[in-house]
Amino acid sequence: MAESLFERYGGIDTVREIVAEFYERVLDSAQLHPYFEKAEMGPLIDHQAQFIAALMGGPPSFTDEQLHRVHASLDVTQEDFVEMAGILQETMEDFDLAFDDVDIVMQAFRAKQPLIVAGRAH
């Protein structure tokens, strides 16, 4: 069996580091910061690390229905999703993930867009 990206890059510890840095950058974004003003970042980082781990071939974390339900009330716009995707890609590149591997994760992330962006049903 081929090694997953999750395994290749060191498992959940590495993914948590990437996600923690990702949220540092998200909180620096004037566009995205308002989504997280009242969020408890520790649990959010844990949930996002599980989500990204699953996109990297790690253990499944959330169903599509759960992902949609969690984001339904947030009114995430297309522009905000694009901003977040760009920050995620940049963060993974800065952690020296191979270009092709970043592309695989970003394709999986973008595939979840209809579940996250407001007004888009699954």
PDB file of N, CA and C in Angstrom:
ATOM      1  N   MET A   1       0.845  -1.180   0.000  1.00  0.00           N
ATOM      2  CA  MET A   1       0.000   0.000   0.000  1.00  0.00           C
ATOM      3  C   MET A   1       0.892   1.246   0.000  1.00  0.00           C
ATOM      4  N   ALA A   2       0.546   2.195  -0.821  1.00  0.00           N
ATOM      5  CA  ALA A   2       1.329   3.429  -0.928  1.00  0.00           C
ATOM      6  C   ALA A   2       1.171   4.275   0.328  1.00  0.00           C
ATOM      7  N   GLU A   3       2.244   4.929   0.681  1.00  0.00           N
ATOM      8  CA  GLU A   3       2.245   5.811   1.842  1.00  0.00           C
ATOM      9  C   GLU A   3       1.405   7.063   1.523  1.00  0.00           C
ATOM     10  N   SER A   4       0.515   7.439   2.452  1.00  0.00           N
ATOM     11  CA  SER A   4      -0.302   8.633   2.245  1.00  0.00           C
ATOM     12  C   SER A   4       0.533   9.888   2.490  1.00  0.00           C
ATOM     13  N   LEU A   5       0.052  11.012   2.003  1.00  0.00           N
ATOM     14  CA  LEU A   5       0.714  12.294   2.282  1.00  0.00           C
ATOM     15  C   LEU A   5       0.745  12.538   3.782  1.00  0.00           C
ATOM     16  N   PHE A   6      -0.320  12.160   4.449  1.00  0.00           N
ATOM     17  CA  PHE A   6      -0.400  12.298   5.903  1.00  0.00           C
ATOM     18  C   PHE A   6       0.774  11.588   6.572  1.00  0.00           C
ATOM     19  N   GLU A   7       1.047  10.364   6.162  1.00  0.00           N
ATOM     20  CA  GLU A   7       2.161   9.595   6.730  1.00  0.00           C
ATOM     21  C   GLU A   7       3.511  10.158   6.282  1.00  0.00           C
ATOM     22  N   ARG A   8       3.614  10.509   5.006  1.00  0.00           N
ATOM     23  CA  ARG A   8       4.876  10.996   4.451  1.00  0.00           C
ATOM     24  C   ARG A   8       5.379  12.246   5.169  1.00  0.00           C
ATOM     25  N   TYR A   9       4.455  13.103   5.583  1.00  0.00           N
ATOM     26  CA  TYR A   9       4.870  14.365   6.199  1.00  0.00           C
ATOM     27  C   TYR A   9       4.844  14.342   7.730  1.00  0.00           C
ATOM     28  N   GLY A  10       4.714  13.176   8.322  1.00  0.00           N
ATOM     29  CA  GLY A  10       4.893  13.080   9.766  1.00  0.00           C
ATOM     30  C   GLY A  10       3.635  12.989  10.600  1.00  0.00           C
ATOM     31  N   GLY A  11       2.487  12.800   9.960  1.00  0.00           N
ATOM     32  CA  GLY A  11       1.257  12.580  10.701  1.00  0.00           C
ATOM     33  C   GLY A  11       0.684  13.831  11.327  1.00  0.00           C
ATOM     34  N   ILE A  12      -0.095  13.608  12.369  1.00  0.00           N
ATOM     35  CA  ILE A  12      -0.892  14.681  12.964  1.00  0.00           C
ATOM     36  C   ILE A  12      -0.043  15.793  13.574  1.00  0.00           C
ATOM     37  N   ASP A  13       1.122  15.481  14.090  1.00  0.00           N
ATOM     38  CA  ASP A  13       1.960  16.534  14.681  1.00  0.00           C
ATOM     39  C   ASP A  13       2.344  17.584  13.643  1.00  0.00           C
ATOM     40  N   THR A  14       2.759  17.136  12.471  1.00  0.00           N
ATOM     41  CA  THR A  14       3.117  18.069  11.405  1.00  0.00           C
ATOM     42  C   THR A  14       1.893  18.820  10.910  1.00  0.00           C
ATOM     43  N   VAL A  15       0.793  18.118  10.754  1.00  0.00           N
ATOM     44  CA  VAL A  15      -0.430  18.770  10.286  1.00  0.00           C
ATOM     45  C   VAL A  15      -0.865  19.846  11.280  1.00  0.00           C
ATOM     46  N   ARG A  16      -0.777  19.578  12.572  1.00  0.00           N
ATOM     47  CA  ARG A  16      -1.127  20.598  13.580  1.00  0.00           C
ATOM     48  C   ARG A  16      -0.216  21.826  13.470  1.00  0.00           C
ATOM     49  N   GLU A  17       1.050  21.613  13.222  1.00  0.00           N
ATOM     50  CA  GLU A  17       1.975  22.744  13.047  1.00  0.00           C
ATOM     51  C   GLU A  17       1.575  23.580  11.835  1.00  0.00           C
ATOM     52  N   ILE A  18       1.260  22.912  10.740  1.00  0.00           N
ATOM     53  CA  ILE A  18       0.839  23.615   9.530  1.00  0.00           C
ATOM     54  C   ILE A  18      -0.445  24.401   9.805  1.00  0.00           C
ATOM     55  N   VAL A  19      -1.399  23.763  10.438  1.00  0.00           N
ATOM     56  CA  VAL A  19      -2.690  24.409  10.704  1.00  0.00           C
ATOM     57  C   VAL A  19      -2.533  25.570  11.688  1.00  0.00           C
ATOM     58  N   ALA A  20      -1.709  25.416  12.700  1.00  0.00           N
ATOM     59  CA  ALA A  20      -1.478  26.521  13.640  1.00  0.00           C
ATOM     60  C   ALA A  20      -0.901  27.733  12.913  1.00  0.00           C
ATOM     61  N   GLU A  21       0.069  27.499  12.048  1.00  0.00           N
ATOM     62  CA  GLU A  21       0.650  28.595  11.259  1.00  0.00           C
ATOM     63  C   GLU A  21      -0.384  29.165  10.290  1.00  0.00           C
ATOM     64  N   PHE A  22      -1.167  28.311   9.682  1.00  0.00           N
ATOM     65  CA  PHE A  22      -2.235  28.740   8.786  1.00  0.00           C
ATOM     66  C   PHE A  22      -3.161  29.719   9.504  1.00  0.00           C
ATOM     67  N   TYR A  23      -3.584  29.384  10.716  1.00  0.00           N
ATOM     68  CA  TYR A  23      -4.496  30.281  11.441  1.00  0.00           C
ATOM     69  C   TYR A  23      -3.816  31.566  11.889  1.00  0.00           C
ATOM     70  N   GLU A  24      -2.525  31.521  12.159  1.00  0.00           N
ATOM     71  CA  GLU A  24      -1.803  32.771  12.444  1.00  0.00           C
ATOM     72  C   GLU A  24      -1.948  33.713  11.253  1.00  0.00           C
ATOM     73  N   ARG A  25      -1.815  33.175  10.078  1.00  0.00           N
ATOM     74  CA  ARG A  25      -1.910  33.970   8.854  1.00  0.00           C
ATOM     75  C   ARG A  25      -3.354  34.401   8.581  1.00  0.00           C
ATOM     76  N   VAL A  26      -4.296  33.512   8.836  1.00  0.00           N
ATOM     77  CA  VAL A  26      -5.713  33.848   8.657  1.00  0.00           C
ATOM     78  C   VAL A  26      -6.093  35.007   9.572  1.00  0.00           C
ATOM     79  N   LEU A  27      -5.623  34.963  10.811  1.00  0.00           N
ATOM     80  CA  LEU A  27      -5.951  36.028  11.765  1.00  0.00           C
ATOM     81  C   LEU A  27      -5.304  37.351  11.379  1.00  0.00           C
ATOM     82  N   ASP A  28      -4.250  37.305  10.583  1.00  0.00           N
ATOM     83  CA  ASP A  28      -3.612  38.522  10.075  1.00  0.00           C
ATOM     84  C   ASP A  28      -4.330  39.071   8.840  1.00  0.00           C
ATOM     85  N   SER A  29      -5.253  38.311   8.293  1.00  0.00           N
ATOM     86  CA  SER A  29      -5.994  38.736   7.103  1.00  0.00           C
ATOM     87  C   SER A  29      -7.188  39.594   7.519  1.00  0.00           C
ATOM     88  N   ALA A  30      -7.202  40.841   7.090  1.00  0.00           N
ATOM     89  CA  ALA A  30      -8.331  41.727   7.399  1.00  0.00           C
ATOM     90  C   ALA A  30      -9.634  41.149   6.858  1.00  0.00           C
ATOM     91  N   GLN A  31      -9.554  40.448   5.757  1.00  0.00           N
ATOM     92  CA  GLN A  31     -10.736  39.850   5.134  1.00  0.00           C
ATOM     93  C   GLN A  31     -11.297  38.695   5.955  1.00  0.00           C
ATOM     94  N   LEU A  32     -10.430  37.861   6.514  1.00  0.00           N
ATOM     95  CA  LEU A  32     -10.880  36.639   7.190  1.00  0.00           C
ATOM     96  C   LEU A  32     -10.976  36.763   8.703  1.00  0.00           C
ATOM     97  N   HIS A  33     -10.253  37.675   9.286  1.00  0.00           N
ATOM     98  CA  HIS A  33     -10.216  37.816  10.745  1.00  0.00           C
ATOM     99  C   HIS A  33     -11.607  37.879  11.381  1.00  0.00           C
ATOM    100  N   PRO A  34     -12.566  38.605  10.802  1.00  0.00           N
ATOM    101  CA  PRO A  34     -13.884  38.698  11.446  1.00  0.00           C
ATOM    102  C   PRO A  34     -14.578  37.356  11.678  1.00  0.00           C
ATOM    103  N   TYR A  35     -14.308  36.366  10.859  1.00  0.00           N
ATOM    104  CA  TYR A  35     -14.914  35.044  11.058  1.00  0.00           C
ATOM    105  C   TYR A  35     -14.461  34.401  12.370  1.00  0.00           C
ATOM    106  N   PHE A  36     -13.331  34.821  12.887  1.00  0.00           N
ATOM    107  CA  PHE A  36     -12.710  34.125  14.010  1.00  0.00           C
ATOM    108  C   PHE A  36     -12.617  34.963  15.279  1.00  0.00           C
ATOM    109  N   GLU A  37     -13.247  36.130  15.292  1.00  0.00           N
ATOM    110  CA  GLU A  37     -13.147  37.019  16.450  1.00  0.00           C
ATOM    111  C   GLU A  37     -13.609  36.372  17.748  1.00  0.00           C
ATOM    112  N   LYS A  38     -14.639  35.540  17.685  1.00  0.00           N
ATOM    113  CA  LYS A  38     -15.180  34.918  18.900  1.00  0.00           C
ATOM    114  C   LYS A  38     -14.839  33.437  19.003  1.00  0.00           C
ATOM    115  N   ALA A  39     -14.001  32.967  18.109  1.00  0.00           N
ATOM    116  CA  ALA A  39     -13.675  31.537  18.083  1.00  0.00           C
ATOM    117  C   ALA A  39     -12.648  31.178  19.142  1.00  0.00           C
ATOM    118  N   GLU A  40     -12.808  30.001  19.712  1.00  0.00           N
ATOM    119  CA  GLU A  40     -11.775  29.430  20.578  1.00  0.00           C
ATOM    120  C   GLU A  40     -10.790  28.732  19.644  1.00  0.00           C
ATOM    121  N   MET A  41      -9.613  29.316  19.524  1.00  0.00           N
ATOM    122  CA  MET A  41      -8.686  28.863  18.498  1.00  0.00           C
ATOM    123  C   MET A  41      -8.128  27.466  18.756  1.00  0.00           C
ATOM    124  N   GLY A  42      -7.930  27.079  19.998  1.00  0.00           N
ATOM    125  CA  GLY A  42      -7.391  25.739  20.285  1.00  0.00           C
ATOM    126  C   GLY A  42      -8.247  24.636  19.693  1.00  0.00           C
ATOM    127  N   PRO A  43      -9.531  24.588  20.041  1.00  0.00           N
ATOM    128  CA  PRO A  43     -10.389  23.553  19.453  1.00  0.00           C
ATOM    129  C   PRO A  43     -10.535  23.689  17.937  1.00  0.00           C
ATOM    130  N   LEU A  44     -10.561  24.923  17.445  1.00  0.00           N
ATOM    131  CA  LEU A  44     -10.670  25.133  16.005  1.00  0.00           C
ATOM    132  C   LEU A  44      -9.447  24.571  15.279  1.00  0.00           C
ATOM    133  N   ILE A  45      -8.275  24.812  15.827  1.00  0.00           N
ATOM    134  CA  ILE A  45      -7.043  24.264  15.238  1.00  0.00           C
ATOM    135  C   ILE A  45      -7.085  22.735  15.256  1.00  0.00           C
ATOM    136  N   ASP A  46      -7.561  22.157  16.350  1.00  0.00           N
ATOM    137  CA  ASP A  46      -7.668  20.699  16.426  1.00  0.00           C
ATOM    138  C   ASP A  46      -8.605  20.149  15.345  1.00  0.00           C
ATOM    139  N   HIS A  47      -9.776  20.775  15.184  1.00  0.00           N
ATOM    140  CA  HIS A  47     -10.734  20.315  14.174  1.00  0.00           C
ATOM    141  C   HIS A  47     -10.180  20.482  12.764  1.00  0.00           C
ATOM    142  N   GLN A  48      -9.559  21.632  12.509  1.00  0.00           N
ATOM    143  CA  GLN A  48      -9.008  21.880  11.174  1.00  0.00           C
ATOM    144  C   GLN A  48      -7.845  20.926  10.883  1.00  0.00           C
ATOM    145  N   ALA A  49      -7.051  20.612  11.895  1.00  0.00           N
ATOM    146  CA  ALA A  49      -5.952  19.657  11.707  1.00  0.00           C
ATOM    147  C   ALA A  49      -6.513  18.292  11.315  1.00  0.00           C
ATOM    148  N   GLN A  50      -7.605  17.883  11.927  1.00  0.00           N
ATOM    149  CA  GLN A  50      -8.237  16.615  11.564  1.00  0.00           C
ATOM    150  C   GLN A  50      -8.763  16.659  10.134  1.00  0.00           C
ATOM    151  N   PHE A  51      -9.338  17.803   9.752  1.00  0.00           N
ATOM    152  CA  PHE A  51      -9.868  17.964   8.402  1.00  0.00           C
ATOM    153  C   PHE A  51      -8.740  17.898   7.367  1.00  0.00           C
ATOM    154  N   ILE A  52      -7.678  18.648   7.592  1.00  0.00           N
ATOM    155  CA  ILE A  52      -6.549  18.664   6.653  1.00  0.00           C
ATOM    156  C   ILE A  52      -5.880  17.288   6.625  1.00  0.00           C
ATOM    157  N   ALA A  53      -5.765  16.649   7.775  1.00  0.00           N
ATOM    158  CA  ALA A  53      -5.197  15.297   7.824  1.00  0.00           C
ATOM    159  C   ALA A  53      -5.991  14.354   6.927  1.00  0.00           C
ATOM    160  N   ALA A  54      -7.317  14.450   6.976  1.00  0.00           N
ATOM    161  CA  ALA A  54      -8.153  13.591   6.131  1.00  0.00           C
ATOM    162  C   ALA A  54      -7.921  13.900   4.653  1.00  0.00           C
ATOM    163  N   LEU A  55      -7.775  15.188   4.311  1.00  0.00           N
ATOM    164  CA  LEU A  55      -7.502  15.558   2.914  1.00  0.00           C
ATOM    165  C   LEU A  55      -6.159  15.004   2.447  1.00  0.00           C
ATOM    166  N   MET A  56      -5.245  14.778   3.401  1.00  0.00           N
ATOM    167  CA  MET A  56      -3.913  14.250   3.086  1.00  0.00           C
ATOM    168  C   MET A  56      -3.865  12.716   3.134  1.00  0.00           C
ATOM    169  N   GLY A  57      -5.026  12.091   3.281  1.00  0.00           N
ATOM    170  CA  GLY A  57      -5.069  10.636   3.305  1.00  0.00           C
ATOM    171  C   GLY A  57      -5.012  10.043   4.684  1.00  0.00           C
ATOM    172  N   GLY A  58      -5.131  10.887   5.697  1.00  0.00           N
ATOM    173  CA  GLY A  58      -5.168  10.419   7.072  1.00  0.00           C
ATOM    174  C   GLY A  58      -6.565   9.939   7.440  1.00  0.00           C
ATOM    175  N   PRO A  59      -6.783   9.704   8.717  1.00  0.00           N
ATOM    176  CA  PRO A  59      -8.089   9.197   9.144  1.00  0.00           C
ATOM    177  C   PRO A  59      -9.207  10.193   8.841  1.00  0.00           C
ATOM    178  N   PRO A  60     -10.364   9.677   8.432  1.00  0.00           N
ATOM    179  CA  PRO A  60     -11.501  10.559   8.164  1.00  0.00           C
ATOM    180  C   PRO A  60     -11.892  11.335   9.416  1.00  0.00           C
ATOM    181  N   SER A  61     -12.337  12.565   9.209  1.00  0.00           N
ATOM    182  CA  SER A  61     -12.659  13.395  10.362  1.00  0.00           C
ATOM    183  C   SER A  61     -14.127  13.762  10.415  1.00  0.00           C
ATOM    184  N   PHE A  62     -14.660  14.298   9.344  1.00  0.00           N
ATOM    185  CA  PHE A  62     -16.026  14.796   9.334  1.00  0.00           C
ATOM    186  C   PHE A  62     -16.711  14.369   8.047  1.00  0.00           C
ATOM    187  N   THR A  63     -18.010  14.151   8.137  1.00  0.00           N
ATOM    188  CA  THR A  63     -18.771  13.866   6.928  1.00  0.00           C
ATOM    189  C   THR A  63     -19.021  15.171   6.189  1.00  0.00           C
ATOM    190  N   ASP A  64     -19.370  15.058   4.926  1.00  0.00           N
ATOM    191  CA  ASP A  64     -19.712  16.247   4.156  1.00  0.00           C
ATOM    192  C   ASP A  64     -20.899  16.975   4.780  1.00  0.00           C
ATOM    193  N   GLU A  65     -21.857  16.220   5.287  1.00  0.00           N
ATOM    194  CA  GLU A  65     -23.026  16.824   5.934  1.00  0.00           C
ATOM    195  C   GLU A  65     -22.608  17.646   7.156  1.00  0.00           C
ATOM    196  N   GLN A  66     -21.705  17.119   7.967  1.00  0.00           N
ATOM    197  CA  GLN A  66     -21.222  17.862   9.135  1.00  0.00           C
ATOM    198  C   GLN A  66     -20.478  19.124   8.710  1.00  0.00           C
ATOM    199  N   LEU A  67     -19.655  19.008   7.697  1.00  0.00           N
ATOM    200  CA  LEU A  67     -18.899  20.152   7.197  1.00  0.00           C
ATOM    201  C   LEU A  67     -19.856  21.252   6.715  1.00  0.00           C
ATOM    202  N   HIS A  68     -20.873  20.862   5.977  1.00  0.00           N
ATOM    203  CA  HIS A  68     -21.857  21.826   5.486  1.00  0.00           C
ATOM    204  C   HIS A  68     -22.612  22.473   6.646  1.00  0.00           C
ATOM    205  N   ARG A  69     -23.043  21.675   7.593  1.00  0.00           N
ATOM    206  CA  ARG A  69     -23.820  22.179   8.733  1.00  0.00           C
ATOM    207  C   ARG A  69     -23.010  23.187   9.553  1.00  0.00           C
ATOM    208  N   VAL A  70     -21.756  22.915   9.792  1.00  0.00           N
ATOM    209  CA  VAL A  70     -20.904  23.802  10.588  1.00  0.00           C
ATOM    210  C   VAL A  70     -20.710  25.153   9.904  1.00  0.00           C
ATOM    211  N   HIS A  71     -20.639  25.154   8.584  1.00  0.00           N
ATOM    212  CA  HIS A  71     -20.359  26.395   7.860  1.00  0.00           C
ATOM    213  C   HIS A  71     -21.616  27.132   7.399  1.00  0.00           C
ATOM    214  N   ALA A  72     -22.775  26.490   7.472  1.00  0.00           N
ATOM    215  CA  ALA A  72     -24.003  27.057   6.914  1.00  0.00           C
ATOM    216  C   ALA A  72     -24.339  28.438   7.478  1.00  0.00           C
ATOM    217  N   SER A  73     -24.119  28.658   8.737  1.00  0.00           N
ATOM    218  CA  SER A  73     -24.495  29.929   9.362  1.00  0.00           C
ATOM    219  C   SER A  73     -23.400  30.995   9.272  1.00  0.00           C
ATOM    220  N   LEU A  74     -22.269  30.662   8.695  1.00  0.00           N
ATOM    221  CA  LEU A  74     -21.144  31.598   8.663  1.00  0.00           C
ATOM    222  C   LEU A  74     -21.167  32.553   7.473  1.00  0.00           C
ATOM    223  N   ASP A  75     -21.993  32.275   6.470  1.00  0.00           N
ATOM    224  CA  ASP A  75     -22.077  33.120   5.282  1.00  0.00           C
ATOM    225  C   ASP A  75     -20.711  33.344   4.624  1.00  0.00           C
ATOM    226  N   VAL A  76     -19.966  32.275   4.468  1.00  0.00           N
ATOM    227  CA  VAL A  76     -18.655  32.352   3.818  1.00  0.00           C
ATOM    228  C   VAL A  76     -18.877  32.684   2.342  1.00  0.00           C
ATOM    229  N   THR A  77     -18.189  33.712   1.869  1.00  0.00           N
ATOM    230  CA  THR A  77     -18.313  34.107   0.469  1.00  0.00           C
ATOM    231  C   THR A  77     -17.298  33.371  -0.393  1.00  0.00           C
ATOM    232  N   GLN A  78     -17.521  33.408  -1.681  1.00  0.00           N
ATOM    233  CA  GLN A  78     -16.572  32.838  -2.638  1.00  0.00           C
ATOM    234  C   GLN A  78     -15.199  33.493  -2.475  1.00  0.00           C
ATOM    235  N   GLU A  79     -15.182  34.815  -2.318  1.00  0.00           N
ATOM    236  CA  GLU A  79     -13.929  35.558  -2.172  1.00  0.00           C
ATOM    237  C   GLU A  79     -13.189  35.138  -0.907  1.00  0.00           C
ATOM    238  N   ASP A  80     -13.932  34.913   0.165  1.00  0.00           N
ATOM    239  CA  ASP A  80     -13.307  34.486   1.413  1.00  0.00           C
ATOM    240  C   ASP A  80     -12.732  33.076   1.284  1.00  0.00           C
ATOM    241  N   PHE A  81     -13.442  32.213   0.595  1.00  0.00           N
ATOM    242  CA  PHE A  81     -12.938  30.857   0.373  1.00  0.00           C
ATOM    243  C   PHE A  81     -11.636  30.897  -0.427  1.00  0.00           C
ATOM    244  N   VAL A  82     -11.613  31.725  -1.461  1.00  0.00           N
ATOM    245  CA  VAL A  82     -10.405  31.853  -2.292  1.00  0.00           C
ATOM    246  C   VAL A  82      -9.249  32.386  -1.448  1.00  0.00           C
ATOM    247  N   GLU A  83      -9.513  33.374  -0.616  1.00  0.00           N
ATOM    248  CA  GLU A  83      -8.477  33.927   0.274  1.00  0.00           C
ATOM    249  C   GLU A  83      -7.940  32.840   1.208  1.00  0.00           C
ATOM    250  N   MET A  84      -8.851  32.084   1.796  1.00  0.00           N
ATOM    251  CA  MET A  84      -8.436  31.026   2.723  1.00  0.00           C
ATOM    252  C   MET A  84      -7.637  29.954   1.998  1.00  0.00           C
ATOM    253  N   ALA A  85      -8.075  29.573   0.814  1.00  0.00           N
ATOM    254  CA  ALA A  85      -7.349  28.561   0.037  1.00  0.00           C
ATOM    255  C   ALA A  85      -5.933  29.046  -0.291  1.00  0.00           C
ATOM    256  N   GLY A  86      -5.818  30.313  -0.651  1.00  0.00           N
ATOM    257  CA  GLY A  86      -4.498  30.860  -0.952  1.00  0.00           C
ATOM    258  C   GLY A  86      -3.571  30.829   0.252  1.00  0.00           C
ATOM    259  N   ILE A  87      -4.114  31.157   1.411  1.00  0.00           N
ATOM    260  CA  ILE A  87      -3.307  31.129   2.643  1.00  0.00           C
ATOM    261  C   ILE A  87      -2.905  29.699   2.979  1.00  0.00           C
ATOM    262  N   LEU A  88      -3.828  28.762   2.813  1.00  0.00           N
ATOM    263  CA  LEU A  88      -3.503  27.360   3.086  1.00  0.00           C
ATOM    264  C   LEU A  88      -2.402  26.876   2.146  1.00  0.00           C
ATOM    265  N   GLN A  89      -2.528  27.170   0.876  1.00  0.00           N
ATOM    266  CA  GLN A  89      -1.512  26.745  -0.092  1.00  0.00           C
ATOM    267  C   GLN A  89      -0.151  27.347   0.252  1.00  0.00           C
ATOM    268  N   GLU A  90      -0.127  28.623   0.522  1.00  0.00           N
ATOM    269  CA  GLU A  90       1.129  29.297   0.865  1.00  0.00           C
ATOM    270  C   GLU A  90       1.753  28.692   2.122  1.00  0.00           C
ATOM    271  N   THR A  91       0.933  28.393   3.098  1.00  0.00           N
ATOM    272  CA  THR A  91       1.441  27.815   4.348  1.00  0.00           C
ATOM    273  C   THR A  91       2.068  26.439   4.096  1.00  0.00           C
ATOM    274  N   MET A  92       1.382  25.602   3.331  1.00  0.00           N
ATOM    275  CA  MET A  92       1.935  24.280   3.039  1.00  0.00           C
ATOM    276  C   MET A  92       3.235  24.391   2.251  1.00  0.00           C
ATOM    277  N   GLU A  93       3.284  25.311   1.307  1.00  0.00           N
ATOM    278  CA  GLU A  93       4.523  25.511   0.544  1.00  0.00           C
ATOM    279  C   GLU A  93       5.650  25.959   1.462  1.00  0.00           C
ATOM    280  N   ASP A  94       5.352  26.829   2.423  1.00  0.00           N
ATOM    281  CA  ASP A  94       6.370  27.294   3.360  1.00  0.00           C
ATOM    282  C   ASP A  94       6.837  26.191   4.304  1.00  0.00           C
ATOM    283  N   PHE A  95       6.044  25.139   4.453  1.00  0.00           N
ATOM    284  CA  PHE A  95       6.457  23.980   5.241  1.00  0.00           C
ATOM    285  C   PHE A  95       7.175  22.950   4.369  1.00  0.00           C
ATOM    286  N   ASP A  96       7.517  23.356   3.155  1.00  0.00           N
ATOM    287  CA  ASP A  96       8.289  22.534   2.226  1.00  0.00           C
ATOM    288  C   ASP A  96       7.594  21.257   1.774  1.00  0.00           C
ATOM    289  N   LEU A  97       6.266  21.280   1.695  1.00  0.00           N
ATOM    290  CA  LEU A  97       5.580  20.175   1.061  1.00  0.00           C
ATOM    291  C   LEU A  97       5.863  20.280  -0.434  1.00  0.00           C
ATOM    292  N   ALA A  98       6.046  19.155  -1.082  1.00  0.00           N
ATOM    293  CA  ALA A  98       6.326  19.128  -2.517  1.00  0.00           C
ATOM    294  C   ALA A  98       5.165  19.757  -3.285  1.00  0.00           C
ATOM    295  N   PHE A  99       5.490  20.424  -4.377  1.00  0.00           N
ATOM    296  CA  PHE A  99       4.487  21.109  -5.194  1.00  0.00           C
ATOM    297  C   PHE A  99       3.329  20.180  -5.555  1.00  0.00           C
ATOM    298  N   ASP A 100       3.634  18.981  -6.043  1.00  0.00           N
ATOM    299  CA  ASP A 100       2.583  18.036  -6.438  1.00  0.00           C
ATOM    300  C   ASP A 100       1.711  17.632  -5.253  1.00  0.00           C
ATOM    301  N   ASP A 101       2.317  17.515  -4.072  1.00  0.00           N
ATOM    302  CA  ASP A 101       1.559  17.151  -2.881  1.00  0.00           C
ATOM    303  C   ASP A 101       0.644  18.293  -2.438  1.00  0.00           C
ATOM    304  N   VAL A 102       1.149  19.514  -2.511  1.00  0.00           N
ATOM    305  CA  VAL A 102       0.316  20.678  -2.197  1.00  0.00           C
ATOM    306  C   VAL A 102      -0.867  20.714  -3.156  1.00  0.00           C
ATOM    307  N   ASP A 103      -0.608  20.447  -4.410  1.00  0.00           N
ATOM    308  CA  ASP A 103      -1.667  20.452  -5.418  1.00  0.00           C
ATOM    309  C   ASP A 103      -2.743  19.415  -5.097  1.00  0.00           C
ATOM    310  N   ILE A 104      -2.345  18.247  -4.669  1.00  0.00           N
ATOM    311  CA  ILE A 104      -3.304  17.188  -4.310  1.00  0.00           C
ATOM    312  C   ILE A 104      -4.195  17.658  -3.160  1.00  0.00           C
ATOM    313  N   VAL A 105      -3.583  18.226  -2.127  1.00  0.00           N
ATOM    314  CA  VAL A 105      -4.353  18.692  -0.965  1.00  0.00           C
ATOM    315  C   VAL A 105      -5.278  19.842  -1.372  1.00  0.00           C
ATOM    316  N   MET A 106      -4.774  20.746  -2.196  1.00  0.00           N
ATOM    317  CA  MET A 106      -5.591  21.891  -2.595  1.00  0.00           C
ATOM    318  C   MET A 106      -6.761  21.463  -3.475  1.00  0.00           C
ATOM    319  N   GLN A 107      -6.567  20.481  -4.314  1.00  0.00           N
ATOM    320  CA  GLN A 107      -7.690  19.960  -5.108  1.00  0.00           C
ATOM    321  C   GLN A 107      -8.758  19.370  -4.191  1.00  0.00           C
ATOM    322  N   ALA A 108      -8.329  18.624  -3.187  1.00  0.00           N
ATOM    323  CA  ALA A 108      -9.272  18.039  -2.233  1.00  0.00           C
ATOM    324  C   ALA A 108      -9.982  19.135  -1.433  1.00  0.00           C
ATOM    325  N   PHE A 109      -9.231  20.177  -1.043  1.00  0.00           N
ATOM    326  CA  PHE A 109      -9.804  21.297  -0.300  1.00  0.00           C
ATOM    327  C   PHE A 109     -10.842  22.019  -1.158  1.00  0.00           C
ATOM    328  N   ARG A 110     -10.479  22.327  -2.383  1.00  0.00           N
ATOM    329  CA  ARG A 110     -11.402  23.046  -3.276  1.00  0.00           C
ATOM    330  C   ARG A 110     -12.648  22.217  -3.590  1.00  0.00           C
ATOM    331  N   ALA A 111     -12.520  20.903  -3.576  1.00  0.00           N
ATOM    332  CA  ALA A 111     -13.682  20.039  -3.810  1.00  0.00           C
ATOM    333  C   ALA A 111     -14.729  20.194  -2.708  1.00  0.00           C
ATOM    334  N   LYS A 112     -14.315  20.671  -1.544  1.00  0.00           N
ATOM    335  CA  LYS A 112     -15.238  20.876  -0.417  1.00  0.00           C
ATOM    336  C   LYS A 112     -15.910  22.253  -0.460  1.00  0.00           C
ATOM    337  N   GLN A 113     -15.530  23.080  -1.421  1.00  0.00           N
ATOM    338  CA  GLN A 113     -16.059  24.433  -1.511  1.00  0.00           C
ATOM    339  C   GLN A 113     -17.586  24.505  -1.482  1.00  0.00           C
ATOM    340  N   PRO A 114     -18.308  23.667  -2.224  1.00  0.00           N
ATOM    341  CA  PRO A 114     -19.775  23.763  -2.196  1.00  0.00           C
ATOM    342  C   PRO A 114     -20.382  23.525  -0.801  1.00  0.00           C
ATOM    343  N   LEU A 115     -19.633  22.881   0.068  1.00  0.00           N
ATOM    344  CA  LEU A 115     -20.110  22.625   1.425  1.00  0.00           C
ATOM    345  C   LEU A 115     -19.819  23.775   2.369  1.00  0.00           C
ATOM    346  N   ILE A 116     -18.954  24.687   1.965  1.00  0.00           N
ATOM    347  CA  ILE A 116     -18.463  25.752   2.841  1.00  0.00           C
ATOM    348  C   ILE A 116     -19.003  27.121   2.447  1.00  0.00           C
ATOM    349  N   VAL A 117     -19.071  27.393   1.141  1.00  0.00           N
ATOM    350  CA  VAL A 117     -19.483  28.722   0.667  1.00  0.00           C
ATOM    351  C   VAL A 117     -20.993  28.865   0.810  1.00  0.00           C
ATOM    352  N   ALA A 118     -21.431  30.027   1.325  1.00  0.00           N
ATOM    353  CA  ALA A 118     -22.851  30.298   1.567  1.00  0.00           C
ATOM    354  C   ALA A 118     -23.660  30.182   0.281  1.00  0.00           C
ATOM    355  N   GLY A 119     -24.859  29.671   0.447  1.00  0.00           N
ATOM    356  CA  GLY A 119     -25.760  29.587  -0.685  1.00  0.00           C
ATOM    357  C   GLY A 119     -25.511  28.425  -1.602  1.00  0.00           C
ATOM    358  N   ARG A 120     -24.576  27.572  -1.251  1.00  0.00           N
ATOM    359  CA  ARG A 120     -24.268  26.410  -2.090  1.00  0.00           C
ATOM    360  C   ARG A 120     -24.678  25.157  -1.343  1.00  0.00           C
ATOM    361  N   ALA A 121     -25.590  24.430  -1.860  1.00  0.00           N
ATOM    362  CA  ALA A 121     -26.038  23.188  -1.220  1.00  0.00           C
ATOM    363  C   ALA A 121     -25.191  22.016  -1.679  1.00  0.00           C
ATOM    364  N   HIS A 122     -25.153  20.989  -0.870  1.00  0.00           N
ATOM    365  CA  HIS A 122     -24.383  19.794  -1.249  1.00  0.00           C
ATOM    366  C   HIS A 122     -25.210  18.787  -1.952  1.00  0.00           C
TER     367      HIS A 122
END
